[in-house]
Amino acid sequence: MKLQSISKAYAKSITELAEEKKIDIAGELTDFNVLINENNNLETLLFSDVFSVEEKTSVLKFIFEKSKVSDLFRNFIYFLLNEKRMGIFPMIFKDVIVIDDDKKGFLRGTIEGSEATVNIELMEKIKAYLVKKIGKNTELEYVQSKKITAGYRVTVEDLQLDASLDNQLEVFKESVLT
């Protein structure tokens, strides 16, 4: 089974369990992800095979005692450690956030372009278009890309709108060659 499929299955399961118990699992996972990202030693401990499951569990018990996390969250992290699946935690985290966003009625996406910043008016027009097309509000993040000469590429889940010069040239090239 592909890691992506496993990640989605775990994300769906933990989200459903959290919903039944009225636990904000997305919030707890976000806090834990921030903690990992801010602490290189913790990241090394959790994702390195140098340390045993017992050593990892011991450190996490100390951390969890200092923070207010649900039993569901704690047991889920211990489960990932015991099953040697902690390596897919980042994928599970992203999948849970996507599920949570979808339940809240909005999606996340990116706008790629060649400029350092995006025109706010254009961003609002794109958001309005996406609401009409998808029927959900979209939170967009702008990313400057050296792969785009001019124009923009918008990606929201599996929808991609490519209004870049590079794409237009590629389409033209294909039409001439066929």
N, C-alpha and C. Protein backbone atom coordinates (compact mmCIF):
# COMPACT_ATOMS: atom_id res chain seq x y z
N MET A 1 0.85 -1.18 0.00
CA MET A 1 0.00 0.00 0.00
C MET A 1 0.89 1.24 0.00
N LYS A 2 0.57 2.19 -0.83
CA LYS A 2 1.36 3.41 -0.92
C LYS A 2 1.24 4.22 0.36
N LEU A 3 2.32 4.94 0.69
CA LEU A 3 2.33 5.77 1.90
C LEU A 3 1.23 6.82 1.86
N GLN A 4 0.94 7.34 0.67
CA GLN A 4 -0.11 8.35 0.55
C GLN A 4 -1.47 7.77 0.94
N SER A 5 -1.74 6.55 0.52
CA SER A 5 -3.00 5.91 0.87
C SER A 5 -3.08 5.63 2.36
N ILE A 6 -1.97 5.19 2.93
CA ILE A 6 -1.91 4.93 4.37
C ILE A 6 -2.15 6.22 5.14
N SER A 7 -1.49 7.28 4.71
CA SER A 7 -1.63 8.58 5.36
C SER A 7 -3.09 9.04 5.34
N LYS A 8 -3.73 8.94 4.19
CA LYS A 8 -5.13 9.36 4.07
C LYS A 8 -6.04 8.52 4.96
N ALA A 9 -5.77 7.22 5.04
CA ALA A 9 -6.57 6.33 5.90
C ALA A 9 -6.42 6.72 7.36
N TYR A 10 -5.20 6.97 7.80
CA TYR A 10 -4.96 7.39 9.18
C TYR A 10 -5.63 8.74 9.45
N ALA A 11 -5.49 9.66 8.53
CA ALA A 11 -6.08 11.00 8.70
C ALA A 11 -7.60 10.91 8.82
N LYS A 12 -8.21 10.12 7.96
CA LYS A 12 -9.66 9.96 7.99
C LYS A 12 -10.09 9.32 9.31
N SER A 13 -9.38 8.29 9.74
CA SER A 13 -9.73 7.59 10.97
C SER A 13 -9.61 8.49 12.20
N ILE A 14 -8.48 9.18 12.31
CA ILE A 14 -8.27 10.02 13.49
C ILE A 14 -9.25 11.20 13.50
N THR A 15 -9.58 11.70 12.33
CA THR A 15 -10.54 12.80 12.23
C THR A 15 -11.94 12.34 12.66
N GLU A 16 -12.34 11.16 12.21
CA GLU A 16 -13.66 10.64 12.57
C GLU A 16 -13.75 10.37 14.07
N LEU A 17 -12.69 9.76 14.63
CA LEU A 17 -12.67 9.51 16.08
C LEU A 17 -12.74 10.81 16.87
N ALA A 18 -11.98 11.80 16.42
CA ALA A 18 -11.96 13.10 17.10
C ALA A 18 -13.32 13.78 17.02
N GLU A 19 -13.98 13.64 15.90
CA GLU A 19 -15.29 14.25 15.73
C GLU A 19 -16.29 13.62 16.70
N GLU A 20 -16.24 12.29 16.84
CA GLU A 20 -17.12 11.59 17.78
C GLU A 20 -16.90 12.07 19.21
N LYS A 21 -15.63 12.31 19.57
CA LYS A 21 -15.29 12.69 20.94
C LYS A 21 -15.24 14.21 21.13
N LYS A 22 -15.57 14.94 20.04
CA LYS A 22 -15.57 16.41 20.07
C LYS A 22 -14.20 16.98 20.48
N ILE A 23 -13.17 16.46 19.82
CA ILE A 23 -11.79 16.88 20.06
C ILE A 23 -11.29 17.62 18.83
N ASP A 24 -10.59 18.73 19.03
CA ASP A 24 -10.00 19.49 17.93
C ASP A 24 -8.65 18.85 17.57
N ILE A 25 -8.72 17.75 16.85
CA ILE A 25 -7.49 17.01 16.52
C ILE A 25 -6.62 17.81 15.56
N ALA A 26 -7.22 18.58 14.68
CA ALA A 26 -6.43 19.41 13.76
C ALA A 26 -5.61 20.42 14.55
N GLY A 27 -6.19 21.00 15.57
CA GLY A 27 -5.48 21.96 16.41
C GLY A 27 -4.34 21.30 17.18
N GLU A 28 -4.59 20.12 17.73
CA GLU A 28 -3.54 19.41 18.47
C GLU A 28 -2.41 18.98 17.55
N LEU A 29 -2.75 18.50 16.38
CA LEU A 29 -1.71 18.11 15.42
C LEU A 29 -0.91 19.33 14.95
N THR A 30 -1.59 20.46 14.77
CA THR A 30 -0.91 21.69 14.36
C THR A 30 0.08 22.12 15.44
N ASP A 31 -0.36 22.12 16.69
CA ASP A 31 0.53 22.50 17.79
C ASP A 31 1.75 21.57 17.86
N PHE A 32 1.51 20.28 17.69
CA PHE A 32 2.60 19.30 17.74
C PHE A 32 3.56 19.49 16.56
N ASN A 33 3.01 19.76 15.39
CA ASN A 33 3.84 20.00 14.21
C ASN A 33 4.71 21.24 14.39
N VAL A 34 4.13 22.30 14.97
CA VAL A 34 4.90 23.52 15.25
C VAL A 34 6.03 23.20 16.23
N LEU A 35 5.73 22.44 17.27
CA LEU A 35 6.73 22.05 18.26
C LEU A 35 7.89 21.30 17.60
N ILE A 36 7.57 20.37 16.73
CA ILE A 36 8.60 19.60 16.03
C ILE A 36 9.44 20.53 15.16
N ASN A 37 8.77 21.41 14.41
CA ASN A 37 9.49 22.31 13.50
C ASN A 37 10.37 23.32 14.22
N GLU A 38 10.00 23.67 15.45
CA GLU A 38 10.78 24.65 16.20
C GLU A 38 11.91 24.01 17.00
N ASN A 39 11.94 22.69 17.08
CA ASN A 39 12.92 22.01 17.92
C ASN A 39 13.63 20.92 17.13
N ASN A 40 14.84 21.23 16.67
CA ASN A 40 15.60 20.27 15.86
C ASN A 40 15.90 18.99 16.61
N ASN A 41 16.16 19.08 17.91
CA ASN A 41 16.45 17.88 18.70
C ASN A 41 15.25 16.94 18.75
N LEU A 42 14.07 17.50 18.92
CA LEU A 42 12.86 16.68 18.94
C LEU A 42 12.62 16.05 17.57
N GLU A 43 12.82 16.83 16.53
CA GLU A 43 12.65 16.31 15.17
C GLU A 43 13.62 15.14 14.93
N THR A 44 14.87 15.31 15.34
CA THR A 44 15.87 14.25 15.18
C THR A 44 15.46 13.01 15.96
N LEU A 45 15.03 13.22 17.19
CA LEU A 45 14.60 12.10 18.04
C LEU A 45 13.47 11.32 17.39
N LEU A 46 12.44 12.02 16.94
CA LEU A 46 11.24 11.35 16.44
C LEU A 46 11.43 10.67 15.08
N PHE A 47 12.24 11.27 14.22
CA PHE A 47 12.32 10.76 12.85
C PHE A 47 13.60 9.98 12.56
N SER A 48 14.44 9.82 13.55
CA SER A 48 15.69 9.09 13.36
C SER A 48 15.55 7.67 13.91
N ASP A 49 16.17 6.72 13.22
CA ASP A 49 16.15 5.32 13.67
C ASP A 49 17.21 5.04 14.73
N VAL A 50 17.98 6.05 15.08
CA VAL A 50 19.04 5.89 16.07
C VAL A 50 18.45 5.63 17.46
N PHE A 51 17.28 6.22 17.74
CA PHE A 51 16.66 6.11 19.05
C PHE A 51 15.59 5.02 19.04
N SER A 52 15.47 4.32 20.17
CA SER A 52 14.47 3.26 20.29
C SER A 52 13.08 3.86 20.51
N VAL A 53 12.07 3.04 20.30
CA VAL A 53 10.69 3.46 20.53
C VAL A 53 10.52 3.84 22.00
N GLU A 54 11.17 3.11 22.88
CA GLU A 54 11.07 3.40 24.32
C GLU A 54 11.66 4.77 24.65
N GLU A 55 12.79 5.10 24.04
CA GLU A 55 13.41 6.41 24.27
C GLU A 55 12.51 7.53 23.75
N LYS A 56 11.96 7.33 22.57
CA LYS A 56 11.07 8.34 21.99
C LYS A 56 9.82 8.52 22.85
N THR A 57 9.25 7.40 23.29
CA THR A 57 8.05 7.43 24.11
C THR A 57 8.31 8.13 25.43
N SER A 58 9.47 7.87 26.02
CA SER A 58 9.83 8.49 27.29
C SER A 58 9.87 10.02 27.18
N VAL A 59 10.49 10.52 26.13
CA VAL A 59 10.56 11.97 25.91
C VAL A 59 9.17 12.54 25.65
N LEU A 60 8.39 11.84 24.84
CA LEU A 60 7.04 12.33 24.54
C LEU A 60 6.15 12.34 25.78
N LYS A 61 6.29 11.35 26.65
CA LYS A 61 5.51 11.33 27.89
C LYS A 61 5.78 12.59 28.70
N PHE A 62 7.04 12.97 28.77
CA PHE A 62 7.42 14.19 29.49
C PHE A 62 6.77 15.42 28.84
N ILE A 63 6.83 15.50 27.52
CA ILE A 63 6.24 16.63 26.79
C ILE A 63 4.72 16.66 26.97
N PHE A 64 4.08 15.51 26.83
CA PHE A 64 2.63 15.45 26.94
C PHE A 64 2.13 15.77 28.35
N GLU A 65 2.94 15.45 29.37
CA GLU A 65 2.56 15.79 30.75
C GLU A 65 2.54 17.31 30.95
N LYS A 66 3.42 18.01 30.23
CA LYS A 66 3.52 19.47 30.36
C LYS A 66 2.46 20.20 29.53
N SER A 67 1.88 19.51 28.58
CA SER A 67 0.89 20.15 27.70
C SER A 67 -0.46 19.48 27.88
N LYS A 68 -1.48 20.17 27.47
CA LYS A 68 -2.83 19.64 27.56
C LYS A 68 -3.22 19.03 26.22
N VAL A 69 -2.97 17.74 26.07
CA VAL A 69 -3.37 17.04 24.84
C VAL A 69 -4.36 15.95 25.22
N SER A 70 -5.20 15.62 24.28
CA SER A 70 -6.20 14.59 24.52
C SER A 70 -5.55 13.21 24.53
N ASP A 71 -6.24 12.27 25.16
CA ASP A 71 -5.78 10.88 25.16
C ASP A 71 -5.75 10.34 23.73
N LEU A 72 -6.72 10.76 22.94
CA LEU A 72 -6.77 10.31 21.55
C LEU A 72 -5.51 10.73 20.80
N PHE A 73 -5.13 11.99 20.93
CA PHE A 73 -3.93 12.48 20.27
C PHE A 73 -2.70 11.73 20.77
N ARG A 74 -2.55 11.63 22.09
CA ARG A 74 -1.40 10.97 22.70
C ARG A 74 -1.29 9.52 22.21
N ASN A 75 -2.41 8.79 22.24
CA ASN A 75 -2.40 7.39 21.81
C ASN A 75 -2.10 7.25 20.32
N PHE A 76 -2.56 8.23 19.55
CA PHE A 76 -2.29 8.19 18.11
C PHE A 76 -0.80 8.35 17.84
N ILE A 77 -0.15 9.26 18.51
CA ILE A 77 1.29 9.47 18.32
C ILE A 77 2.06 8.23 18.79
N TYR A 78 1.67 7.67 19.93
CA TYR A 78 2.32 6.44 20.41
C TYR A 78 2.12 5.29 19.41
N PHE A 79 0.92 5.22 18.84
CA PHE A 79 0.64 4.20 17.82
C PHE A 79 1.59 4.36 16.63
N LEU A 80 1.74 5.59 16.13
CA LEU A 80 2.65 5.83 15.00
C LEU A 80 4.07 5.41 15.35
N LEU A 81 4.50 5.71 16.56
CA LEU A 81 5.85 5.31 17.00
C LEU A 81 5.99 3.80 17.03
N ASN A 82 5.05 3.12 17.66
CA ASN A 82 5.12 1.66 17.80
C ASN A 82 5.06 0.93 16.46
N GLU A 83 4.31 1.50 15.53
CA GLU A 83 4.18 0.89 14.20
C GLU A 83 5.28 1.34 13.24
N LYS A 84 6.20 2.14 13.75
CA LYS A 84 7.30 2.69 12.94
C LYS A 84 6.75 3.45 11.73
N ARG A 85 5.73 4.26 12.00
CA ARG A 85 5.08 5.08 10.96
C ARG A 85 5.22 6.57 11.23
N MET A 86 6.07 6.94 12.18
CA MET A 86 6.22 8.36 12.51
C MET A 86 6.71 9.15 11.30
N GLY A 87 7.42 8.50 10.40
CA GLY A 87 7.93 9.16 9.20
C GLY A 87 6.85 9.74 8.31
N ILE A 88 5.62 9.21 8.42
CA ILE A 88 4.54 9.75 7.58
C ILE A 88 3.69 10.77 8.35
N PHE A 89 4.12 11.13 9.56
CA PHE A 89 3.37 12.13 10.33
C PHE A 89 3.13 13.41 9.52
N PRO A 90 4.15 13.97 8.83
CA PRO A 90 3.88 15.21 8.06
C PRO A 90 2.77 15.04 7.02
N MET A 91 2.72 13.87 6.38
CA MET A 91 1.66 13.62 5.39
C MET A 91 0.30 13.50 6.07
N ILE A 92 0.26 12.80 7.20
CA ILE A 92 -1.00 12.65 7.94
C ILE A 92 -1.48 14.02 8.39
N PHE A 93 -0.56 14.83 8.91
CA PHE A 93 -0.91 16.18 9.36
C PHE A 93 -1.55 16.97 8.23
N LYS A 94 -0.93 16.97 7.06
CA LYS A 94 -1.49 17.72 5.92
C LYS A 94 -2.86 17.18 5.53
N ASP A 95 -3.02 15.86 5.54
CA ASP A 95 -4.31 15.26 5.18
C ASP A 95 -5.40 15.63 6.19
N VAL A 96 -5.06 15.65 7.47
CA VAL A 96 -6.03 16.05 8.50
C VAL A 96 -6.44 17.51 8.29
N ILE A 97 -5.49 18.37 7.98
CA ILE A 97 -5.80 19.78 7.75
C ILE A 97 -6.73 19.94 6.54
N VAL A 98 -6.48 19.18 5.49
CA VAL A 98 -7.35 19.24 4.31
C VAL A 98 -8.77 18.80 4.67
N ILE A 99 -8.90 17.71 5.43
CA ILE A 99 -10.21 17.22 5.85
C ILE A 99 -10.90 18.27 6.72
N ASP A 100 -10.16 18.85 7.66
CA ASP A 100 -10.71 19.86 8.56
C ASP A 100 -11.15 21.10 7.79
N ASP A 101 -10.33 21.55 6.87
CA ASP A 101 -10.68 22.72 6.05
C ASP A 101 -11.95 22.45 5.24
N ASP A 102 -12.03 21.25 4.68
CA ASP A 102 -13.19 20.89 3.87
C ASP A 102 -14.46 20.93 4.71
N LYS A 103 -14.38 20.42 5.94
CA LYS A 103 -15.55 20.44 6.83
C LYS A 103 -15.94 21.87 7.20
N LYS A 104 -14.95 22.74 7.26
CA LYS A 104 -15.22 24.14 7.60
C LYS A 104 -15.68 24.94 6.38
N GLY A 105 -15.64 24.32 5.19
CA GLY A 105 -16.17 24.95 4.00
C GLY A 105 -15.19 25.80 3.21
N PHE A 106 -13.89 25.56 3.42
CA PHE A 106 -12.94 26.29 2.58
C PHE A 106 -11.76 25.41 2.22
N LEU A 107 -11.05 25.85 1.21
CA LEU A 107 -9.90 25.11 0.70
C LEU A 107 -8.66 25.99 0.74
N ARG A 108 -7.51 25.37 0.71
CA ARG A 108 -6.24 26.10 0.64
C ARG A 108 -5.62 25.85 -0.73
N GLY A 109 -4.92 26.87 -1.21
CA GLY A 109 -4.26 26.73 -2.49
C GLY A 109 -3.12 27.72 -2.63
N THR A 110 -2.45 27.66 -3.77
CA THR A 110 -1.33 28.56 -4.01
C THR A 110 -1.51 29.27 -5.35
N ILE A 111 -0.98 30.47 -5.40
CA ILE A 111 -0.84 31.21 -6.65
C ILE A 111 0.66 31.33 -6.86
N GLU A 112 1.12 30.89 -8.02
CA GLU A 112 2.53 31.03 -8.37
C GLU A 112 2.66 32.08 -9.45
N GLY A 113 3.68 32.90 -9.33
CA GLY A 113 3.94 33.92 -10.33
C GLY A 113 5.40 34.33 -10.30
N SER A 114 5.78 35.16 -11.26
CA SER A 114 7.18 35.56 -11.36
C SER A 114 7.52 36.78 -10.50
N GLU A 115 6.52 37.57 -10.13
CA GLU A 115 6.77 38.78 -9.35
C GLU A 115 7.02 38.45 -7.88
N ALA A 116 7.58 39.43 -7.16
CA ALA A 116 7.85 39.25 -5.73
C ALA A 116 6.56 39.19 -4.92
N THR A 117 5.53 39.93 -5.35
CA THR A 117 4.23 39.92 -4.67
C THR A 117 3.13 39.87 -5.71
N VAL A 118 1.95 39.48 -5.25
CA VAL A 118 0.81 39.41 -6.17
C VAL A 118 -0.07 40.63 -5.96
N ASN A 119 -0.71 41.06 -7.02
CA ASN A 119 -1.66 42.15 -6.98
C ASN A 119 -2.88 41.70 -6.17
N ILE A 120 -3.23 42.45 -5.13
CA ILE A 120 -4.33 42.09 -4.23
C ILE A 120 -5.66 42.02 -4.99
N GLU A 121 -5.88 42.94 -5.91
CA GLU A 121 -7.10 42.93 -6.72
C GLU A 121 -7.23 41.63 -7.50
N LEU A 122 -6.13 41.20 -8.10
CA LEU A 122 -6.11 39.96 -8.87
C LEU A 122 -6.41 38.78 -7.95
N MET A 123 -5.81 38.77 -6.77
CA MET A 123 -6.03 37.69 -5.81
C MET A 123 -7.51 37.59 -5.46
N GLU A 124 -8.16 38.73 -5.24
CA GLU A 124 -9.59 38.75 -4.90
C GLU A 124 -10.44 38.24 -6.06
N LYS A 125 -10.07 38.60 -7.29
CA LYS A 125 -10.80 38.12 -8.47
C LYS A 125 -10.67 36.61 -8.60
N ILE A 126 -9.48 36.10 -8.35
CA ILE A 126 -9.26 34.65 -8.42
C ILE A 126 -10.09 33.94 -7.35
N LYS A 127 -10.11 34.49 -6.14
CA LYS A 127 -10.90 33.90 -5.06
C LYS A 127 -12.38 33.88 -5.42
N ALA A 128 -12.89 34.98 -5.99
CA ALA A 128 -14.29 35.06 -6.39
C ALA A 128 -14.60 34.03 -7.47
N TYR A 129 -13.69 33.87 -8.42
CA TYR A 129 -13.87 32.87 -9.48
C TYR A 129 -13.92 31.46 -8.89
N LEU A 130 -13.02 31.20 -7.94
CA LEU A 130 -12.96 29.86 -7.33
C LEU A 130 -14.22 29.56 -6.51
N VAL A 131 -14.78 30.58 -5.85
CA VAL A 131 -16.02 30.37 -5.11
C VAL A 131 -17.13 29.96 -6.07
N LYS A 132 -17.20 30.63 -7.24
CA LYS A 132 -18.20 30.27 -8.25
C LYS A 132 -17.95 28.87 -8.79
N LYS A 133 -16.71 28.55 -9.09
CA LYS A 133 -16.36 27.28 -9.73
C LYS A 133 -16.46 26.10 -8.78
N ILE A 134 -15.95 26.26 -7.55
CA ILE A 134 -15.87 25.15 -6.61
C ILE A 134 -17.00 25.20 -5.58
N GLY A 135 -17.46 26.40 -5.28
CA GLY A 135 -18.52 26.56 -4.29
C GLY A 135 -18.01 26.64 -2.86
N LYS A 136 -16.71 26.87 -2.70
CA LYS A 136 -16.13 26.99 -1.35
C LYS A 136 -15.18 28.17 -1.33
N ASN A 137 -15.05 28.77 -0.17
CA ASN A 137 -14.07 29.84 0.00
C ASN A 137 -12.67 29.23 -0.08
N THR A 138 -11.75 30.00 -0.59
CA THR A 138 -10.39 29.51 -0.77
C THR A 138 -9.40 30.45 -0.11
N GLU A 139 -8.50 29.89 0.64
CA GLU A 139 -7.40 30.66 1.23
C GLU A 139 -6.19 30.42 0.33
N LEU A 140 -5.71 31.49 -0.29
CA LEU A 140 -4.61 31.37 -1.24
C LEU A 140 -3.34 31.98 -0.68
N GLU A 141 -2.24 31.32 -0.96
CA GLU A 141 -0.92 31.80 -0.57
C GLU A 141 -0.15 32.08 -1.85
N TYR A 142 0.52 33.20 -1.89
CA TYR A 142 1.31 33.55 -3.08
C TYR A 142 2.74 33.06 -2.92
N VAL A 143 3.26 32.43 -3.99
CA VAL A 143 4.63 31.93 -4.00
C VAL A 143 5.31 32.42 -5.28
N GLN A 144 6.43 33.10 -5.13
CA GLN A 144 7.19 33.51 -6.30
C GLN A 144 7.91 32.29 -6.85
N SER A 145 7.81 32.09 -8.18
CA SER A 145 8.39 30.91 -8.80
C SER A 145 9.28 31.30 -9.96
N LYS A 146 10.49 30.76 -9.97
CA LYS A 146 11.40 31.02 -11.08
C LYS A 146 11.04 30.21 -12.32
N LYS A 147 10.12 29.25 -12.15
CA LYS A 147 9.68 28.41 -13.27
C LYS A 147 8.67 29.13 -14.15
N ILE A 148 8.15 30.27 -13.67
CA ILE A 148 7.14 31.01 -14.42
C ILE A 148 7.76 32.32 -14.92
N THR A 149 7.73 32.49 -16.22
CA THR A 149 8.29 33.68 -16.84
C THR A 149 7.37 34.89 -16.64
N ALA A 150 6.09 34.69 -16.89
CA ALA A 150 5.08 35.74 -16.72
C ALA A 150 3.73 35.07 -16.54
N GLY A 151 2.81 35.77 -15.90
CA GLY A 151 1.49 35.21 -15.66
C GLY A 151 1.42 34.51 -14.32
N TYR A 152 0.36 33.68 -14.16
CA TYR A 152 0.13 33.02 -12.88
C TYR A 152 -0.34 31.59 -13.07
N ARG A 153 -0.09 30.78 -12.05
CA ARG A 153 -0.60 29.42 -12.00
C ARG A 153 -1.26 29.26 -10.62
N VAL A 154 -2.54 28.87 -10.62
CA VAL A 154 -3.29 28.69 -9.38
C VAL A 154 -3.56 27.20 -9.20
N THR A 155 -3.25 26.70 -7.99
CA THR A 155 -3.48 25.29 -7.68
C THR A 155 -4.28 25.21 -6.38
N VAL A 156 -5.45 24.57 -6.46
CA VAL A 156 -6.29 24.31 -5.30
C VAL A 156 -6.71 22.85 -5.39
N GLU A 157 -6.19 22.05 -4.44
CA GLU A 157 -6.38 20.60 -4.46
C GLU A 157 -6.00 20.07 -5.84
N ASP A 158 -6.91 19.41 -6.56
CA ASP A 158 -6.56 18.85 -7.85
C ASP A 158 -6.93 19.77 -9.02
N LEU A 159 -7.39 20.98 -8.74
CA LEU A 159 -7.72 21.96 -9.77
C LEU A 159 -6.51 22.85 -10.02
N GLN A 160 -6.12 22.96 -11.29
CA GLN A 160 -5.03 23.87 -11.62
C GLN A 160 -5.46 24.77 -12.77
N LEU A 161 -5.33 26.07 -12.54
CA LEU A 161 -5.60 27.07 -13.57
C LEU A 161 -4.25 27.66 -13.96
N ASP A 162 -3.85 27.44 -15.20
CA ASP A 162 -2.52 27.87 -15.61
C ASP A 162 -2.63 28.96 -16.66
N ALA A 163 -2.43 30.20 -16.24
CA ALA A 163 -2.47 31.36 -17.13
C ALA A 163 -1.07 31.94 -17.25
N SER A 164 -0.08 31.05 -17.28
CA SER A 164 1.30 31.51 -17.40
C SER A 164 1.70 31.58 -18.86
N LEU A 165 2.65 32.44 -19.15
CA LEU A 165 3.18 32.56 -20.50
C LEU A 165 3.79 31.23 -20.94
N ASP A 166 4.46 30.56 -20.03
CA ASP A 166 5.10 29.29 -20.35
C ASP A 166 4.06 28.25 -20.81
N ASN A 167 2.92 28.21 -20.14
CA ASN A 167 1.87 27.26 -20.52
C ASN A 167 1.28 27.63 -21.88
N GLN A 168 1.06 28.92 -22.12
CA GLN A 168 0.51 29.35 -23.40
C GLN A 168 1.45 29.01 -24.55
N LEU A 169 2.76 29.18 -24.32
CA LEU A 169 3.74 28.83 -25.35
C LEU A 169 3.75 27.31 -25.59
N GLU A 170 3.61 26.54 -24.54
CA GLU A 170 3.59 25.08 -24.67
C GLU A 170 2.36 24.63 -25.46
N VAL A 171 1.20 25.24 -25.16
CA VAL A 171 -0.03 24.92 -25.90
C VAL A 171 0.12 25.30 -27.37
N PHE A 172 0.71 26.45 -27.63
CA PHE A 172 0.94 26.89 -29.01
C PHE A 172 1.87 25.92 -29.74
N LYS A 173 2.96 25.53 -29.08
CA LYS A 173 3.92 24.60 -29.65
C LYS A 173 3.25 23.27 -30.02
N GLU A 174 2.41 22.76 -29.11
CA GLU A 174 1.70 21.51 -29.35
C GLU A 174 0.75 21.63 -30.55
N SER A 175 0.07 22.79 -30.67
CA SER A 175 -0.87 22.98 -31.78
C SER A 175 -0.15 23.07 -33.12
N VAL A 176 1.05 23.61 -33.11
CA VAL A 176 1.83 23.73 -34.35
C VAL A 176 2.40 22.38 -34.76
N LEU A 177 2.85 21.60 -33.79
CA LEU A 177 3.48 20.32 -34.08
C LEU A 177 2.51 19.21 -34.44
N THR A 178 1.23 19.36 -34.12
CA THR A 178 0.28 18.28 -34.42
C THR A 178 -0.53 18.54 -35.64
